């Protein structure tokens, strides 16, 4: 179910354009409009979920779907062999700016540590 004021729900519903790189029945992957690496793709569940802390015992498939989508995209986008990072921010203090669960795929350059 979509949330009417959610930016990512509007992208999923194609009410806002995005550069889509992956789509399945339950996940959409699109390029980040403010990329932090040469490859920066966001993967969102098509069902509105506010964040990782909103997942319950029956939602394990959501995380599996997001991760598998990102892994496949990393191969297709040419960053799998050199390495890539998967990031989920949860709530404001962690850097979550859109209240819709999303997984970042970052790659295409050496990524520093610690990240923030």
PDB file of N, CA and C in Angstrom:
ATOM      1  N   UNK A   1       0.849  -1.179   0.000  1.00  0.00           N
ATOM      2  CA  UNK A   1       0.000   0.000   0.000  1.00  0.00           C
ATOM      3  C   UNK A   1       0.891   1.237   0.000  1.00  0.00           C
ATOM      4  N   UNK A   2       0.571   2.195  -0.834  1.00  0.00           N
ATOM      5  CA  UNK A   2       1.353   3.423  -0.955  1.00  0.00           C
ATOM      6  C   UNK A   2       0.920   4.453   0.088  1.00  0.00           C
ATOM      7  N   UNK A   3       1.876   5.278   0.488  1.00  0.00           N
ATOM      8  CA  UNK A   3       1.584   6.410   1.361  1.00  0.00           C
ATOM      9  C   UNK A   3       1.464   7.638   0.453  1.00  0.00           C
ATOM     10  N   UNK A   4       0.396   8.393   0.553  1.00  0.00           N
ATOM     11  CA  UNK A   4       0.114   9.458  -0.417  1.00  0.00           C
ATOM     12  C   UNK A   4       1.171  10.555  -0.508  1.00  0.00           C
ATOM     13  N   UNK A   5       1.893  10.842   0.557  1.00  0.00           N
ATOM     14  CA  UNK A   5       2.887  11.916   0.532  1.00  0.00           C
ATOM     15  C   UNK A   5       4.316  11.401   0.451  1.00  0.00           C
ATOM     16  N   UNK A   6       4.515  10.127   0.194  1.00  0.00           N
ATOM     17  CA  UNK A   6       5.842   9.527   0.185  1.00  0.00           C
ATOM     18  C   UNK A   6       6.491   9.671  -1.193  1.00  0.00           C
ATOM     19  N   UNK A   7       7.666  10.288  -1.223  1.00  0.00           N
ATOM     20  CA  UNK A   7       8.405  10.472  -2.469  1.00  0.00           C
ATOM     21  C   UNK A   7       8.663   9.144  -3.166  1.00  0.00           C
ATOM     22  N   UNK A   8       9.124   8.136  -2.428  1.00  0.00           N
ATOM     23  CA  UNK A   8       9.454   6.859  -3.058  1.00  0.00           C
ATOM     24  C   UNK A   8       8.211   6.116  -3.523  1.00  0.00           C
ATOM     25  N   UNK A   9       7.104   6.240  -2.825  1.00  0.00           N
ATOM     26  CA  UNK A   9       5.854   5.636  -3.305  1.00  0.00           C
ATOM     27  C   UNK A   9       5.439   6.272  -4.628  1.00  0.00           C
ATOM     28  N   UNK A  10       5.635   7.578  -4.742  1.00  0.00           N
ATOM     29  CA  UNK A  10       5.306   8.266  -5.997  1.00  0.00           C
ATOM     30  C   UNK A  10       6.210   7.808  -7.131  1.00  0.00           C
ATOM     31  N   UNK A  11       7.472   7.510  -6.835  1.00  0.00           N
ATOM     32  CA  UNK A  11       8.370   6.966  -7.854  1.00  0.00           C
ATOM     33  C   UNK A  11       7.913   5.569  -8.250  1.00  0.00           C
ATOM     34  N   UNK A  12       7.578   4.742  -7.275  1.00  0.00           N
ATOM     35  CA  UNK A  12       7.091   3.387  -7.553  1.00  0.00           C
ATOM     36  C   UNK A  12       5.841   3.437  -8.438  1.00  0.00           C
ATOM     37  N   UNK A  13       4.954   4.389  -8.164  1.00  0.00           N
ATOM     38  CA  UNK A  13       3.708   4.527  -8.933  1.00  0.00           C
ATOM     39  C   UNK A  13       3.910   5.265 -10.260  1.00  0.00           C
ATOM     40  N   UNK A  14       5.145   5.670 -10.543  1.00  0.00           N
ATOM     41  CA  UNK A  14       5.519   6.398 -11.769  1.00  0.00           C
ATOM     42  C   UNK A  14       4.869   7.778 -11.852  1.00  0.00           C
ATOM     43  N   UNK A  15       4.550   8.351 -10.699  1.00  0.00           N
ATOM     44  CA  UNK A  15       4.039   9.724 -10.654  1.00  0.00           C
ATOM     45  C   UNK A  15       5.182  10.723 -10.680  1.00  0.00           C
ATOM     46  N   UNK A  16       6.371  10.274 -10.307  1.00  0.00           N
ATOM     47  CA  UNK A  16       7.602  11.064 -10.372  1.00  0.00           C
ATOM     48  C   UNK A  16       8.598  10.237 -11.175  1.00  0.00           C
ATOM     49  N   UNK A  17       9.253  10.845 -12.172  1.00  0.00           N
ATOM     50  CA  UNK A  17      10.196  10.075 -12.991  1.00  0.00           C
ATOM     51  C   UNK A  17      11.465   9.708 -12.226  1.00  0.00           C
ATOM     52  N   UNK A  18      12.051   8.593 -12.601  1.00  0.00           N
ATOM     53  CA  UNK A  18      13.314   8.138 -12.021  1.00  0.00           C
ATOM     54  C   UNK A  18      14.029   7.299 -13.073  1.00  0.00           C
ATOM     55  N   UNK A  19      15.330   7.205 -12.933  1.00  0.00           N
ATOM     56  CA  UNK A  19      16.136   6.378 -13.820  1.00  0.00           C
ATOM     57  C   UNK A  19      16.181   4.962 -13.244  1.00  0.00           C
ATOM     58  N   UNK A  20      15.224   4.141 -13.670  1.00  0.00           N
ATOM     59  CA  UNK A  20      15.049   2.793 -13.128  1.00  0.00           C
ATOM     60  C   UNK A  20      16.107   1.855 -13.705  1.00  0.00           C
ATOM     61  N   UNK A  21      16.774   1.114 -12.821  1.00  0.00           N
ATOM     62  CA  UNK A  21      17.771   0.137 -13.243  1.00  0.00           C
ATOM     63  C   UNK A  21      17.357  -1.292 -12.902  1.00  0.00           C
ATOM     64  N   UNK A  22      16.317  -1.436 -12.074  1.00  0.00           N
ATOM     65  CA  UNK A  22      15.858  -2.766 -11.678  1.00  0.00           C
ATOM     66  C   UNK A  22      14.388  -2.695 -11.308  1.00  0.00           C
ATOM     67  N   UNK A  23      13.651  -3.734 -11.695  1.00  0.00           N
ATOM     68  CA  UNK A  23      12.262  -3.845 -11.243  1.00  0.00           C
ATOM     69  C   UNK A  23      11.867  -5.299 -11.179  1.00  0.00           C
ATOM     70  N   UNK A  24      11.228  -5.651 -10.066  1.00  0.00           N
ATOM     71  CA  UNK A  24      10.626  -6.968  -9.899  1.00  0.00           C
ATOM     72  C   UNK A  24       9.215  -6.744  -9.383  1.00  0.00           C
ATOM     73  N   UNK A  25       8.557  -7.808  -9.014  1.00  0.00           N
ATOM     74  CA  UNK A  25       7.193  -7.700  -8.508  1.00  0.00           C
ATOM     75  C   UNK A  25       7.119  -6.860  -7.232  1.00  0.00           C
ATOM     76  N   UNK A  26       8.175  -6.928  -6.393  1.00  0.00           N
ATOM     77  CA  UNK A  26       8.097  -6.262  -5.098  1.00  0.00           C
ATOM     78  C   UNK A  26       9.198  -5.240  -4.813  1.00  0.00           C
ATOM     79  N   UNK A  27      10.132  -5.019  -5.758  1.00  0.00           N
ATOM     80  CA  UNK A  27      11.246  -4.095  -5.543  1.00  0.00           C
ATOM     81  C   UNK A  27      11.449  -3.221  -6.773  1.00  0.00           C
ATOM     82  N   UNK A  28      11.794  -1.960  -6.519  1.00  0.00           N
ATOM     83  CA  UNK A  28      12.182  -1.048  -7.592  1.00  0.00           C
ATOM     84  C   UNK A  28      13.561  -0.494  -7.241  1.00  0.00           C
ATOM     85  N   UNK A  29      14.463  -0.480  -8.226  1.00  0.00           N
ATOM     86  CA  UNK A  29      15.795   0.087  -8.052  1.00  0.00           C
ATOM     87  C   UNK A  29      15.982   1.234  -9.020  1.00  0.00           C
ATOM     88  N   UNK A  30      16.452   2.377  -8.523  1.00  0.00           N
ATOM     89  CA  UNK A  30      16.621   3.558  -9.369  1.00  0.00           C
ATOM     90  C   UNK A  30      17.836   4.350  -8.915  1.00  0.00           C
ATOM     91  N   UNK A  31      18.436   5.096  -9.848  1.00  0.00           N
ATOM     92  CA  UNK A  31      19.622   5.878  -9.545  1.00  0.00           C
ATOM     93  C   UNK A  31      19.292   6.996  -8.570  1.00  0.00           C
ATOM     94  N   UNK A  32      20.197   7.203  -7.617  1.00  0.00           N
ATOM     95  CA  UNK A  32      20.049   8.291  -6.642  1.00  0.00           C
ATOM     96  C   UNK A  32      20.263   9.618  -7.358  1.00  0.00           C
ATOM     97  N   UNK A  33      19.429  10.610  -7.079  1.00  0.00           N
ATOM     98  CA  UNK A  33      19.549  11.918  -7.736  1.00  0.00           C
ATOM     99  C   UNK A  33      20.716  12.728  -7.161  1.00  0.00           C
ATOM    100  N   UNK A  34      21.251  12.308  -6.023  1.00  0.00           N
ATOM    101  CA  UNK A  34      22.399  12.968  -5.410  1.00  0.00           C
ATOM    102  C   UNK A  34      23.462  11.902  -5.124  1.00  0.00           C
ATOM    103  N   UNK A  35      24.073  11.356  -6.182  1.00  0.00           N
ATOM    104  CA  UNK A  35      24.967  10.205  -5.990  1.00  0.00           C
ATOM    105  C   UNK A  35      26.200  10.535  -5.158  1.00  0.00           C
ATOM    106  N   UNK A  36      26.553   9.581  -4.292  1.00  0.00           N
ATOM    107  CA  UNK A  36      27.727   9.707  -3.433  1.00  0.00           C
ATOM    108  C   UNK A  36      28.876   8.838  -3.926  1.00  0.00           C
ATOM    109  N   UNK A  37      28.676   8.168  -5.043  1.00  0.00           N
ATOM    110  CA  UNK A  37      29.692   7.320  -5.671  1.00  0.00           C
ATOM    111  C   UNK A  37      29.304   7.203  -7.148  1.00  0.00           C
ATOM    112  N   UNK A  38      30.242   6.777  -8.003  1.00  0.00           N
ATOM    113  CA  UNK A  38      29.903   6.625  -9.423  1.00  0.00           C
ATOM    114  C   UNK A  38      28.680   5.729  -9.667  1.00  0.00           C
ATOM    115  N   UNK A  39      28.538   4.699  -8.853  1.00  0.00           N
ATOM    116  CA  UNK A  39      27.325   3.879  -8.873  1.00  0.00           C
ATOM    117  C   UNK A  39      26.617   4.108  -7.544  1.00  0.00           C
ATOM    118  N   UNK A  40      25.417   4.659  -7.608  1.00  0.00           N
ATOM    119  CA  UNK A  40      24.614   4.875  -6.399  1.00  0.00           C
ATOM    120  C   UNK A  40      23.156   4.637  -6.778  1.00  0.00           C
ATOM    121  N   UNK A  41      22.670   3.477  -6.389  1.00  0.00           N
ATOM    122  CA  UNK A  41      21.311   3.053  -6.721  1.00  0.00           C
ATOM    123  C   UNK A  41      20.548   2.805  -5.431  1.00  0.00           C
ATOM    124  N   UNK A  42      19.295   3.227  -5.400  1.00  0.00           N
ATOM    125  CA  UNK A  42      18.411   2.969  -4.266  1.00  0.00           C
ATOM    126  C   UNK A  42      17.458   1.833  -4.625  1.00  0.00           C
ATOM    127  N   UNK A  43      17.261   0.921  -3.697  1.00  0.00           N
ATOM    128  CA  UNK A  43      16.311  -0.179  -3.865  1.00  0.00           C
ATOM    129  C   UNK A  43      15.253  -0.026  -2.798  1.00  0.00           C
ATOM    130  N   UNK A  44      13.986   0.006  -3.221  1.00  0.00           N
ATOM    131  CA  UNK A  44      12.877   0.202  -2.294  1.00  0.00           C
ATOM    132  C   UNK A  44      11.856  -0.911  -2.475  1.00  0.00           C
ATOM    133  N   UNK A  45      11.237  -1.325  -1.364  1.00  0.00           N
ATOM    134  CA  UNK A  45      10.097  -2.230  -1.539  1.00  0.00           C
ATOM    135  C   UNK A  45       8.951  -1.434  -2.165  1.00  0.00           C
ATOM    136  N   UNK A  46       8.212  -2.045  -3.048  1.00  0.00           N
ATOM    137  CA  UNK A  46       7.080  -1.355  -3.662  1.00  0.00           C
ATOM    138  C   UNK A  46       5.977  -1.083  -2.644  1.00  0.00           C
ATOM    139  N   UNK A  47       5.917  -1.912  -1.627  1.00  0.00           N
ATOM    140  CA  UNK A  47       4.973  -1.693  -0.523  1.00  0.00           C
ATOM    141  C   UNK A  47       5.598  -0.683   0.418  1.00  0.00           C
ATOM    142  N   UNK A  48       4.825   0.283   0.872  1.00  0.00           N
ATOM    143  CA  UNK A  48       5.367   1.302   1.771  1.00  0.00           C
ATOM    144  C   UNK A  48       5.702   0.706   3.132  1.00  0.00           C
ATOM    145  N   UNK A  49       6.957   0.844   3.492  1.00  0.00           N
ATOM    146  CA  UNK A  49       7.463   0.476   4.811  1.00  0.00           C
ATOM    147  C   UNK A  49       8.310   1.662   5.247  1.00  0.00           C
ATOM    148  N   UNK A  50       8.058   2.233   6.421  1.00  0.00           N
ATOM    149  CA  UNK A  50       8.738   3.468   6.806  1.00  0.00           C
ATOM    150  C   UNK A  50      10.231   3.298   7.027  1.00  0.00           C
ATOM    151  N   UNK A  51      10.658   2.172   7.529  1.00  0.00           N
ATOM    152  CA  UNK A  51      12.075   1.954   7.782  1.00  0.00           C
ATOM    153  C   UNK A  51      12.328   0.531   8.202  1.00  0.00           C
ATOM    154  N   UNK A  52      13.593   0.204   8.394  1.00  0.00           N
ATOM    155  CA  UNK A  52      13.951  -1.160   8.743  1.00  0.00           C
ATOM    156  C   UNK A  52      13.345  -1.559  10.091  1.00  0.00           C
ATOM    157  N   UNK A  53      13.154  -0.588  10.981  1.00  0.00           N
ATOM    158  CA  UNK A  53      12.580  -0.905  12.289  1.00  0.00           C
ATOM    159  C   UNK A  53      11.081  -1.171  12.232  1.00  0.00           C
ATOM    160  N   UNK A  54      10.462  -0.909  11.093  1.00  0.00           N
ATOM    161  CA  UNK A  54       9.034  -1.179  10.930  1.00  0.00           C
ATOM    162  C   UNK A  54       8.770  -2.598  10.429  1.00  0.00           C
ATOM    163  N   UNK A  55       9.837  -3.330  10.118  1.00  0.00           N
ATOM    164  CA  UNK A  55       9.679  -4.706   9.658  1.00  0.00           C
ATOM    165  C   UNK A  55       9.357  -5.616  10.836  1.00  0.00           C
ATOM    166  N   UNK A  56       8.521  -6.597  10.559  1.00  0.00           N
ATOM    167  CA  UNK A  56       8.144  -7.563  11.587  1.00  0.00           C
ATOM    168  C   UNK A  56       8.605  -8.958  11.222  1.00  0.00           C
ATOM    169  N   UNK A  57       8.255  -9.936  12.045  1.00  0.00           N
ATOM    170  CA  UNK A  57       8.694 -11.312  11.819  1.00  0.00           C
ATOM    171  C   UNK A  57       8.299 -11.868  10.444  1.00  0.00           C
ATOM    172  N   UNK A  58       7.223 -11.395   9.887  1.00  0.00           N
ATOM    173  CA  UNK A  58       6.787 -11.890   8.583  1.00  0.00           C
ATOM    174  C   UNK A  58       7.392 -11.164   7.400  1.00  0.00           C
ATOM    175  N   UNK A  59       8.331 -10.248   7.653  1.00  0.00           N
ATOM    176  CA  UNK A  59       8.890  -9.412   6.588  1.00  0.00           C
ATOM    177  C   UNK A  59      10.305  -9.791   6.162  1.00  0.00           C
ATOM    178  N   UNK A  60      10.771 -10.961   6.517  1.00  0.00           N
ATOM    179  CA  UNK A  60      12.135 -11.360   6.145  1.00  0.00           C
ATOM    180  C   UNK A  60      12.332 -11.328   4.633  1.00  0.00           C
ATOM    181  N   UNK A  61      11.291 -11.617   3.907  1.00  0.00           N
ATOM    182  CA  UNK A  61      11.382 -11.615   2.450  1.00  0.00           C
ATOM    183  C   UNK A  61      11.672 -10.239   1.877  1.00  0.00           C
ATOM    184  N   UNK A  62      11.282  -9.189   2.572  1.00  0.00           N
ATOM    185  CA  UNK A  62      11.542  -7.821   2.100  1.00  0.00           C
ATOM    186  C   UNK A  62      13.042  -7.592   2.040  1.00  0.00           C
ATOM    187  N   UNK A  63      13.748  -7.910   3.114  1.00  0.00           N
ATOM    188  CA  UNK A  63      15.190  -7.704   3.146  1.00  0.00           C
ATOM    189  C   UNK A  63      15.901  -8.600   2.138  1.00  0.00           C
ATOM    190  N   UNK A  64      15.443  -9.831   2.006  1.00  0.00           N
ATOM    191  CA  UNK A  64      16.042 -10.738   1.020  1.00  0.00           C
ATOM    192  C   UNK A  64      15.857 -10.190  -0.385  1.00  0.00           C
ATOM    193  N   UNK A  65      14.676  -9.697  -0.702  1.00  0.00           N
ATOM    194  CA  UNK A  65      14.412  -9.153  -2.037  1.00  0.00           C
ATOM    195  C   UNK A  65      15.274  -7.934  -2.334  1.00  0.00           C
ATOM    196  N   UNK A  66      15.412  -7.032  -1.356  1.00  0.00           N
ATOM    197  CA  UNK A  66      16.241  -5.837  -1.552  1.00  0.00           C
ATOM    198  C   UNK A  66      17.703  -6.227  -1.772  1.00  0.00           C
ATOM    199  N   UNK A  67      18.198  -7.138  -0.953  1.00  0.00           N
ATOM    200  CA  UNK A  67      19.599  -7.548  -1.045  1.00  0.00           C
ATOM    201  C   UNK A  67      19.898  -8.271  -2.353  1.00  0.00           C
ATOM    202  N   UNK A  68      19.038  -9.175  -2.736  1.00  0.00           N
ATOM    203  CA  UNK A  68      19.254  -9.904  -3.994  1.00  0.00           C
ATOM    204  C   UNK A  68      19.186  -8.971  -5.193  1.00  0.00           C
ATOM    205  N   UNK A  69      18.283  -8.001  -5.158  1.00  0.00           N
ATOM    206  CA  UNK A  69      18.189  -7.022  -6.247  1.00  0.00           C
ATOM    207  C   UNK A  69      19.475  -6.210  -6.336  1.00  0.00           C
ATOM    208  N   UNK A  70      19.991  -5.763  -5.195  1.00  0.00           N
ATOM    209  CA  UNK A  70      21.221  -4.978  -5.184  1.00  0.00           C
ATOM    210  C   UNK A  70      22.415  -5.803  -5.652  1.00  0.00           C
ATOM    211  N   UNK A  71      22.505  -7.051  -5.228  1.00  0.00           N
ATOM    212  CA  UNK A  71      23.608  -7.915  -5.661  1.00  0.00           C
ATOM    213  C   UNK A  71      23.595  -8.104  -7.173  1.00  0.00           C
ATOM    214  N   UNK A  72      22.417  -8.340  -7.740  1.00  0.00           N
ATOM    215  CA  UNK A  72      22.309  -8.509  -9.188  1.00  0.00           C
ATOM    216  C   UNK A  72      22.663  -7.234  -9.933  1.00  0.00           C
ATOM    217  N   UNK A  73      22.206  -6.108  -9.419  1.00  0.00           N
ATOM    218  CA  UNK A  73      22.513  -4.830 -10.056  1.00  0.00           C
ATOM    219  C   UNK A  73      24.014  -4.534  -9.978  1.00  0.00           C
ATOM    220  N   UNK A  74      24.649  -4.877  -8.870  1.00  0.00           N
ATOM    221  CA  UNK A  74      26.098  -4.667  -8.741  1.00  0.00           C
ATOM    222  C   UNK A  74      26.847  -5.422  -9.835  1.00  0.00           C
ATOM    223  N   UNK A  75      26.412  -6.638 -10.124  1.00  0.00           N
ATOM    224  CA  UNK A  75      27.028  -7.399 -11.224  1.00  0.00           C
ATOM    225  C   UNK A  75      26.780  -6.719 -12.555  1.00  0.00           C
ATOM    226  N   UNK A  76      25.537  -6.348 -12.807  1.00  0.00           N
ATOM    227  CA  UNK A  76      25.180  -5.719 -14.085  1.00  0.00           C
ATOM    228  C   UNK A  76      25.852  -4.366 -14.285  1.00  0.00           C
ATOM    229  N   UNK A  77      26.066  -3.625 -13.213  1.00  0.00           N
ATOM    230  CA  UNK A  77      26.661  -2.296 -13.299  1.00  0.00           C
ATOM    231  C   UNK A  77      28.187  -2.319 -13.199  1.00  0.00           C
ATOM    232  N   UNK A  78      28.753  -3.516 -13.099  1.00  0.00           N
ATOM    233  CA  UNK A  78      30.198  -3.672 -13.168  1.00  0.00           C
ATOM    234  C   UNK A  78      30.982  -3.363 -11.907  1.00  0.00           C
ATOM    235  N   UNK A  79      30.333  -3.386 -10.743  1.00  0.00           N
ATOM    236  CA  UNK A  79      31.065  -3.090  -9.507  1.00  0.00           C
ATOM    237  C   UNK A  79      31.223  -4.307  -8.594  1.00  0.00           C
ATOM    238  N   UNK A  80      30.674  -5.441  -8.986  1.00  0.00           N
ATOM    239  CA  UNK A  80      30.691  -6.610  -8.105  1.00  0.00           C
ATOM    240  C   UNK A  80      32.108  -7.131  -7.860  1.00  0.00           C
ATOM    241  N   UNK A  81      32.934  -7.186  -8.878  1.00  0.00           N
ATOM    242  CA  UNK A  81      34.268  -7.762  -8.707  1.00  0.00           C
ATOM    243  C   UNK A  81      35.171  -6.889  -7.843  1.00  0.00           C
ATOM    244  N   UNK A  82      35.138  -5.575  -8.027  1.00  0.00           N
ATOM    245  CA  UNK A  82      35.992  -4.671  -7.246  1.00  0.00           C
ATOM    246  C   UNK A  82      35.464  -4.471  -5.834  1.00  0.00           C
ATOM    247  N   UNK A  83      34.160  -4.559  -5.677  1.00  0.00           N
ATOM    248  CA  UNK A  83      33.532  -4.401  -4.361  1.00  0.00           C
ATOM    249  C   UNK A  83      32.537  -3.267  -4.335  1.00  0.00           C
ATOM    250  N   UNK A  84      31.577  -3.380  -3.442  1.00  0.00           N
ATOM    251  CA  UNK A  84      30.513  -2.389  -3.298  1.00  0.00           C
ATOM    252  C   UNK A  84      30.011  -2.408  -1.874  1.00  0.00           C
ATOM    253  N   UNK A  85      29.262  -1.381  -1.528  1.00  0.00           N
ATOM    254  CA  UNK A  85      28.716  -1.259  -0.181  1.00  0.00           C
ATOM    255  C   UNK A  85      27.204  -1.207  -0.260  1.00  0.00           C
ATOM    256  N   UNK A  86      26.537  -1.881   0.678  1.00  0.00           N
ATOM    257  CA  UNK A  86      25.089  -1.800   0.847  1.00  0.00           C
ATOM    258  C   UNK A  86      24.833  -1.105   2.170  1.00  0.00           C
ATOM    259  N   UNK A  87      23.975  -0.070   2.145  1.00  0.00           N
ATOM    260  CA  UNK A  87      23.722   0.737   3.340  1.00  0.00           C
ATOM    261  C   UNK A  87      22.227   0.919   3.528  1.00  0.00           C
ATOM    262  N   UNK A  88      21.778   0.777   4.769  1.00  0.00           N
ATOM    263  CA  UNK A  88      20.415   1.137   5.143  1.00  0.00           C
ATOM    264  C   UNK A  88      20.509   2.097   6.322  1.00  0.00           C
ATOM    265  N   UNK A  89      20.009   3.297   6.134  1.00  0.00           N
ATOM    266  CA  UNK A  89      19.927   4.273   7.214  1.00  0.00           C
ATOM    267  C   UNK A  89      18.541   4.162   7.838  1.00  0.00           C
ATOM    268  N   UNK A  90      18.472   4.249   9.155  1.00  0.00           N
ATOM    269  CA  UNK A  90      17.187   4.126   9.830  1.00  0.00           C
ATOM    270  C   UNK A  90      16.981   5.309  10.764  1.00  0.00           C
ATOM    271  N   UNK A  91      16.055   6.161  10.400  1.00  0.00           N
ATOM    272  CA  UNK A  91      15.658   7.364  11.138  1.00  0.00           C
ATOM    273  C   UNK A  91      16.659   8.505  10.940  1.00  0.00           C
ATOM    274  N   UNK A  92      16.260   9.666  11.407  1.00  0.00           N
ATOM    275  CA  UNK A  92      16.956  10.924  11.140  1.00  0.00           C
ATOM    276  C   UNK A  92      18.425  10.920  11.559  1.00  0.00           C
ATOM    277  N   UNK A  93      18.729  10.493  12.773  1.00  0.00           N
ATOM    278  CA  UNK A  93      20.114  10.551  13.247  1.00  0.00           C
ATOM    279  C   UNK A  93      21.057   9.651  12.444  1.00  0.00           C
ATOM    280  N   UNK A  94      20.523   8.662  11.774  1.00  0.00           N
ATOM    281  CA  UNK A  94      21.341   7.782  10.943  1.00  0.00           C
ATOM    282  C   UNK A  94      21.444   8.286   9.505  1.00  0.00           C
ATOM    283  N   UNK A  95      20.691   9.336   9.171  1.00  0.00           N
ATOM    284  CA  UNK A  95      20.758   9.898   7.829  1.00  0.00           C
ATOM    285  C   UNK A  95      19.601   9.546   6.922  1.00  0.00           C
ATOM    286  N   UNK A  96      18.561   8.907   7.445  1.00  0.00           N
ATOM    287  CA  UNK A  96      17.399   8.590   6.607  1.00  0.00           C
ATOM    288  C   UNK A  96      16.634   9.880   6.328  1.00  0.00           C
ATOM    289  N   UNK A  97      16.497  10.233   5.044  1.00  0.00           N
ATOM    290  CA  UNK A  97      15.828  11.480   4.676  1.00  0.00           C
ATOM    291  C   UNK A  97      14.444  11.257   4.074  1.00  0.00           C
ATOM    292  N   UNK A  98      14.150  10.026   3.654  1.00  0.00           N
ATOM    293  CA  UNK A  98      12.822   9.685   3.142  1.00  0.00           C
ATOM    294  C   UNK A  98      12.307   8.529   3.990  1.00  0.00           C
ATOM    295  N   UNK A  99      11.123   8.711   4.567  1.00  0.00           N
ATOM    296  CA  UNK A  99      10.551   7.687   5.438  1.00  0.00           C
ATOM    297  C   UNK A  99       9.918   6.563   4.638  1.00  0.00           C
ATOM    298  N   UNK A 100      10.760   5.877   3.894  1.00  0.00           N
ATOM    299  CA  UNK A 100      10.395   4.680   3.133  1.00  0.00           C
ATOM    300  C   UNK A 100      11.675   3.854   3.104  1.00  0.00           C
ATOM    301  N   UNK A 101      11.610   2.635   3.588  1.00  0.00           N
ATOM    302  CA  UNK A 101      12.780   1.764   3.630  1.00  0.00           C
ATOM    303  C   UNK A 101      13.487   1.772   2.285  1.00  0.00           C
ATOM    304  N   UNK A 102      14.795   1.995   2.305  1.00  0.00           N
ATOM    305  CA  UNK A 102      15.574   1.925   1.073  1.00  0.00           C
ATOM    306  C   UNK A 102      16.994   1.476   1.372  1.00  0.00           C
ATOM    307  N   UNK A 103      17.531   0.707   0.445  1.00  0.00           N
ATOM    308  CA  UNK A 103      18.875   0.178   0.535  1.00  0.00           C
ATOM    309  C   UNK A 103      19.710   0.875  -0.530  1.00  0.00           C
ATOM    310  N   UNK A 104      20.847   1.431  -0.126  1.00  0.00           N
ATOM    311  CA  UNK A 104      21.757   2.091  -1.049  1.00  0.00           C
ATOM    312  C   UNK A 104      22.794   1.084  -1.548  1.00  0.00           C
ATOM    313  N   UNK A 105      23.021   1.046  -2.842  1.00  0.00           N
ATOM    314  CA  UNK A 105      24.137   0.333  -3.455  1.00  0.00           C
ATOM    315  C   UNK A 105      25.137   1.397  -3.878  1.00  0.00           C
ATOM    316  N   UNK A 106      26.346   1.344  -3.324  1.00  0.00           N
ATOM    317  CA  UNK A 106      27.396   2.304  -3.634  1.00  0.00           C
ATOM    318  C   UNK A 106      28.620   1.563  -4.151  1.00  0.00           C
ATOM    319  N   UNK A 107      29.186   2.054  -5.242  1.00  0.00           N
ATOM    320  CA  UNK A 107      30.378   1.419  -5.778  1.00  0.00           C
ATOM    321  C   UNK A 107      30.989   2.259  -6.886  1.00  0.00           C
ATOM    322  N   UNK A 108      32.029   1.706  -7.489  1.00  0.00           N
ATOM    323  CA  UNK A 108      32.683   2.396  -8.584  1.00  0.00           C
ATOM    324  C   UNK A 108      33.887   3.213  -8.170  1.00  0.00           C
ATOM    325  N   UNK A 109      34.212   3.220  -6.879  1.00  0.00           N
ATOM    326  CA  UNK A 109      35.406   3.872  -6.347  1.00  0.00           C
ATOM    327  C   UNK A 109      35.721   3.246  -4.993  1.00  0.00           C
ATOM    328  N   UNK A 110      36.925   3.507  -4.492  1.00  0.00           N
ATOM    329  CA  UNK A 110      37.284   3.015  -3.156  1.00  0.00           C
ATOM    330  C   UNK A 110      36.453   3.807  -2.146  1.00  0.00           C
ATOM    331  N   UNK A 111      35.777   3.095  -1.267  1.00  0.00           N
ATOM    332  CA  UNK A 111      34.932   3.717  -0.245  1.00  0.00           C
ATOM    333  C   UNK A 111      35.680   3.713   1.087  1.00  0.00           C
ATOM    334  N   UNK A 112      35.692   4.864   1.745  1.00  0.00           N
ATOM    335  CA  UNK A 112      36.403   4.988   2.997  1.00  0.00           C
ATOM    336  C   UNK A 112      35.681   4.352   4.170  1.00  0.00           C
ATOM    337  N   UNK A 113      36.423   4.186   5.254  1.00  0.00           N
ATOM    338  CA  UNK A 113      35.861   3.664   6.493  1.00  0.00           C
ATOM    339  C   UNK A 113      36.541   4.362   7.655  1.00  0.00           C
ATOM    340  N   UNK A 114      35.865   4.822   8.681  1.00  0.00           N
ATOM    341  CA  UNK A 114      34.426   4.667   8.869  1.00  0.00           C
ATOM    342  C   UNK A 114      33.642   5.567   7.919  1.00  0.00           C
ATOM    343  N   UNK A 115      32.396   5.169   7.642  1.00  0.00           N
ATOM    344  CA  UNK A 115      31.608   5.875   6.633  1.00  0.00           C
ATOM    345  C   UNK A 115      31.137   7.260   7.037  1.00  0.00           C
ATOM    346  N   UNK A 116      30.924   7.539   8.286  1.00  0.00           N
ATOM    347  CA  UNK A 116      30.367   8.840   8.615  1.00  0.00           C
ATOM    348  C   UNK A 116      30.881   9.331   9.892  1.00  0.00           C
TER     349      UNK A 116
END
